[in-house]
Every structure is written in C-alpha cells, then in structure tokens.
N, C-alpha and C. Protein backbone atom coordinates (compact mmCIF):
# COMPACT_ATOMS: atom_id res chain seq x y z
N UNK A 1 -14.14 5.42 7.99
CA UNK A 1 -13.57 4.62 9.05
C UNK A 1 -12.17 5.14 9.38
N UNK A 2 -11.87 5.23 10.65
CA UNK A 2 -10.56 5.72 11.09
C UNK A 2 -9.54 4.59 11.05
N UNK A 3 -8.30 4.97 10.75
CA UNK A 3 -7.23 3.99 10.63
C UNK A 3 -5.97 4.55 11.29
N UNK A 4 -5.24 3.67 11.98
CA UNK A 4 -3.99 4.06 12.63
C UNK A 4 -2.92 3.06 12.23
N UNK A 5 -1.76 3.58 11.83
CA UNK A 5 -0.62 2.73 11.50
C UNK A 5 0.48 2.97 12.52
N UNK A 6 1.01 1.88 13.06
CA UNK A 6 2.07 1.94 14.06
C UNK A 6 3.32 1.30 13.45
N UNK A 7 4.44 2.00 13.48
CA UNK A 7 5.71 1.49 12.96
C UNK A 7 6.65 1.32 14.15
N UNK A 8 6.95 0.07 14.45
CA UNK A 8 7.75 -0.23 15.64
C UNK A 8 9.17 -0.63 15.26
N UNK A 9 10.11 -0.51 16.20
CA UNK A 9 11.47 -0.98 15.93
C UNK A 9 11.48 -2.51 15.82
N UNK A 10 12.63 -3.05 15.47
CA UNK A 10 12.75 -4.50 15.33
C UNK A 10 12.51 -5.18 16.67
N UNK A 11 11.46 -5.98 16.73
CA UNK A 11 11.10 -6.73 17.93
C UNK A 11 10.85 -8.18 17.53
N UNK A 12 11.00 -9.10 18.47
CA UNK A 12 10.68 -10.49 18.14
C UNK A 12 9.17 -10.70 18.12
N UNK A 13 8.42 -9.88 18.85
CA UNK A 13 6.96 -9.94 18.80
C UNK A 13 6.40 -8.60 19.25
N UNK A 14 5.16 -8.31 18.90
CA UNK A 14 4.58 -7.00 19.23
C UNK A 14 4.04 -6.91 20.65
N UNK A 15 3.91 -8.04 21.32
CA UNK A 15 3.32 -8.01 22.66
C UNK A 15 4.34 -7.73 23.76
N UNK A 16 5.61 -8.00 23.51
CA UNK A 16 6.62 -7.80 24.53
C UNK A 16 6.75 -8.98 25.48
N UNK A 17 6.05 -10.07 25.18
CA UNK A 17 6.08 -11.24 26.07
C UNK A 17 7.11 -12.29 25.67
N UNK A 18 7.69 -12.19 24.50
CA UNK A 18 8.53 -13.28 24.01
C UNK A 18 10.00 -13.13 24.38
N UNK A 19 10.41 -11.99 24.86
CA UNK A 19 11.81 -11.80 25.21
C UNK A 19 12.13 -12.26 26.62
N UNK A 20 13.35 -12.00 27.03
CA UNK A 20 13.80 -12.37 28.37
C UNK A 20 13.05 -11.55 29.42
N UNK A 21 12.90 -10.26 29.17
CA UNK A 21 12.19 -9.38 30.09
C UNK A 21 10.89 -8.90 29.45
N UNK A 22 9.81 -8.93 30.19
CA UNK A 22 8.53 -8.43 29.69
C UNK A 22 8.58 -6.91 29.66
N UNK A 23 8.21 -6.33 28.51
CA UNK A 23 8.19 -4.87 28.37
C UNK A 23 6.79 -4.36 28.71
N UNK A 24 6.61 -3.71 29.85
CA UNK A 24 5.28 -3.26 30.25
C UNK A 24 4.68 -2.23 29.30
N UNK A 25 5.51 -1.44 28.63
CA UNK A 25 5.00 -0.45 27.68
C UNK A 25 4.38 -1.14 26.46
N UNK A 26 5.01 -2.21 25.98
CA UNK A 26 4.43 -2.95 24.85
C UNK A 26 3.12 -3.60 25.24
N UNK A 27 3.03 -4.09 26.46
CA UNK A 27 1.77 -4.66 26.94
C UNK A 27 0.69 -3.59 27.00
N UNK A 28 1.05 -2.41 27.48
CA UNK A 28 0.09 -1.30 27.57
C UNK A 28 -0.38 -0.88 26.18
N UNK A 29 0.55 -0.75 25.25
CA UNK A 29 0.20 -0.36 23.89
C UNK A 29 -0.71 -1.40 23.24
N UNK A 30 -0.40 -2.68 23.45
CA UNK A 30 -1.24 -3.74 22.89
C UNK A 30 -2.65 -3.66 23.43
N UNK A 31 -2.79 -3.40 24.72
CA UNK A 31 -4.12 -3.28 25.33
C UNK A 31 -4.88 -2.09 24.76
N UNK A 32 -4.20 -0.96 24.63
CA UNK A 32 -4.85 0.24 24.07
C UNK A 32 -5.28 -0.01 22.63
N UNK A 33 -4.41 -0.62 21.83
CA UNK A 33 -4.75 -0.89 20.43
C UNK A 33 -5.91 -1.87 20.31
N UNK A 34 -5.95 -2.87 21.18
CA UNK A 34 -7.08 -3.81 21.16
C UNK A 34 -8.39 -3.11 21.50
N UNK A 35 -8.35 -2.18 22.44
CA UNK A 35 -9.55 -1.40 22.78
C UNK A 35 -9.99 -0.55 21.60
N UNK A 36 -9.05 0.05 20.90
CA UNK A 36 -9.39 0.85 19.72
C UNK A 36 -10.00 -0.02 18.61
N UNK A 37 -9.43 -1.22 18.42
CA UNK A 37 -9.99 -2.16 17.43
C UNK A 37 -11.43 -2.50 17.78
N UNK A 38 -11.69 -2.72 19.05
CA UNK A 38 -13.05 -3.05 19.48
C UNK A 38 -14.02 -1.90 19.24
N UNK A 39 -13.50 -0.69 19.10
CA UNK A 39 -14.35 0.48 18.81
C UNK A 39 -14.45 0.75 17.31
N UNK A 40 -13.92 -0.17 16.50
CA UNK A 40 -14.06 -0.06 15.06
C UNK A 40 -12.93 0.64 14.33
N UNK A 41 -11.87 0.99 15.02
CA UNK A 41 -10.73 1.65 14.38
C UNK A 41 -9.82 0.58 13.80
N UNK A 42 -9.41 0.78 12.55
CA UNK A 42 -8.51 -0.17 11.90
C UNK A 42 -7.09 0.13 12.38
N UNK A 43 -6.43 -0.88 12.90
CA UNK A 43 -5.06 -0.74 13.41
C UNK A 43 -4.14 -1.58 12.53
N UNK A 44 -3.12 -0.93 11.98
CA UNK A 44 -2.07 -1.64 11.25
C UNK A 44 -0.79 -1.48 12.06
N UNK A 45 -0.22 -2.60 12.45
CA UNK A 45 0.96 -2.56 13.31
C UNK A 45 2.11 -3.22 12.55
N UNK A 46 3.16 -2.44 12.28
CA UNK A 46 4.29 -2.93 11.50
C UNK A 46 5.53 -3.00 12.38
N UNK A 47 6.22 -4.11 12.29
CA UNK A 47 7.44 -4.37 13.05
C UNK A 47 8.60 -4.40 12.06
N UNK A 48 9.63 -3.62 12.31
CA UNK A 48 10.78 -3.55 11.40
C UNK A 48 11.38 -4.93 11.16
N UNK A 49 11.30 -5.82 12.13
CA UNK A 49 11.86 -7.16 12.01
C UNK A 49 11.04 -8.04 11.06
N UNK A 50 9.72 -7.94 11.11
CA UNK A 50 8.88 -8.84 10.31
C UNK A 50 8.35 -8.20 9.03
N UNK A 51 8.30 -6.87 8.96
CA UNK A 51 7.80 -6.18 7.76
C UNK A 51 8.71 -5.00 7.41
N UNK A 52 9.99 -5.26 7.11
CA UNK A 52 10.92 -4.15 6.86
C UNK A 52 10.57 -3.35 5.61
N UNK A 53 9.97 -4.00 4.62
CA UNK A 53 9.65 -3.31 3.37
C UNK A 53 8.65 -2.17 3.58
N UNK A 54 7.73 -2.33 4.51
CA UNK A 54 6.71 -1.30 4.77
C UNK A 54 7.36 -0.04 5.33
N UNK A 55 8.36 -0.21 6.16
CA UNK A 55 9.01 0.92 6.81
C UNK A 55 9.73 1.81 5.81
N UNK A 56 10.15 1.24 4.69
CA UNK A 56 10.91 2.01 3.71
C UNK A 56 10.09 2.45 2.51
N UNK A 57 8.77 2.31 2.59
CA UNK A 57 7.91 2.80 1.52
C UNK A 57 7.95 4.33 1.50
N UNK A 58 7.78 4.93 0.32
CA UNK A 58 7.86 6.39 0.22
C UNK A 58 6.86 7.13 1.12
N UNK A 59 5.71 6.56 1.39
CA UNK A 59 4.70 7.23 2.21
C UNK A 59 4.99 7.21 3.69
N UNK A 60 5.96 6.43 4.12
CA UNK A 60 6.29 6.32 5.54
C UNK A 60 7.34 7.37 5.88
N UNK A 61 6.99 8.26 6.78
CA UNK A 61 7.91 9.32 7.20
C UNK A 61 8.48 8.98 8.56
N UNK A 62 9.68 9.48 8.81
CA UNK A 62 10.29 9.28 10.12
C UNK A 62 9.60 10.21 11.12
N UNK A 63 9.20 9.66 12.23
CA UNK A 63 8.59 10.44 13.30
C UNK A 63 9.55 10.52 14.47
N UNK A 64 9.53 11.62 15.16
CA UNK A 64 10.36 11.76 16.35
C UNK A 64 9.80 10.90 17.47
N UNK A 65 10.68 10.31 18.25
CA UNK A 65 10.27 9.50 19.39
C UNK A 65 9.74 10.41 20.48
N UNK A 66 8.60 10.06 21.00
CA UNK A 66 8.00 10.82 22.10
C UNK A 66 7.91 9.92 23.31
N UNK A 67 8.56 10.31 24.39
CA UNK A 67 8.54 9.48 25.61
C UNK A 67 7.50 9.98 26.57
C-alpha cells in the first residue's frame, strides 16, 4: 500500500477555511489528498502547530519549498 506524509507549517487548520482569508492552495491540496485517499493511498498530514513532535523526529528531513 502506498503512503504519503505531508509536513505543513503551523496552521490553525489544514483546510485553510478557519483563518481570516481562505487559502485556495490549501483547499486545492485538501481536494487532491481526499482523491488520493479514495484511491486507497494512506495520507498522513502533519501540522507543525498541532503535531510539532512529529516534525522533529529523526526520520523527518527538511525538504526545499517548491512553488
């Protein structure tokens, strides 16, 4: 089974709907990840604000930001 882990910066929520301004990129990513889940791919989504310990585990490497 395929698995994808996403490590996000500190956010109040992963959907982008809870802040003052809606973040269209977070909405797009959420839609894509939900489609992947529906195809049987395991998605683990970590937010620095809610799961900081996961971000600092030895197995987590820093990735360059790609725009």
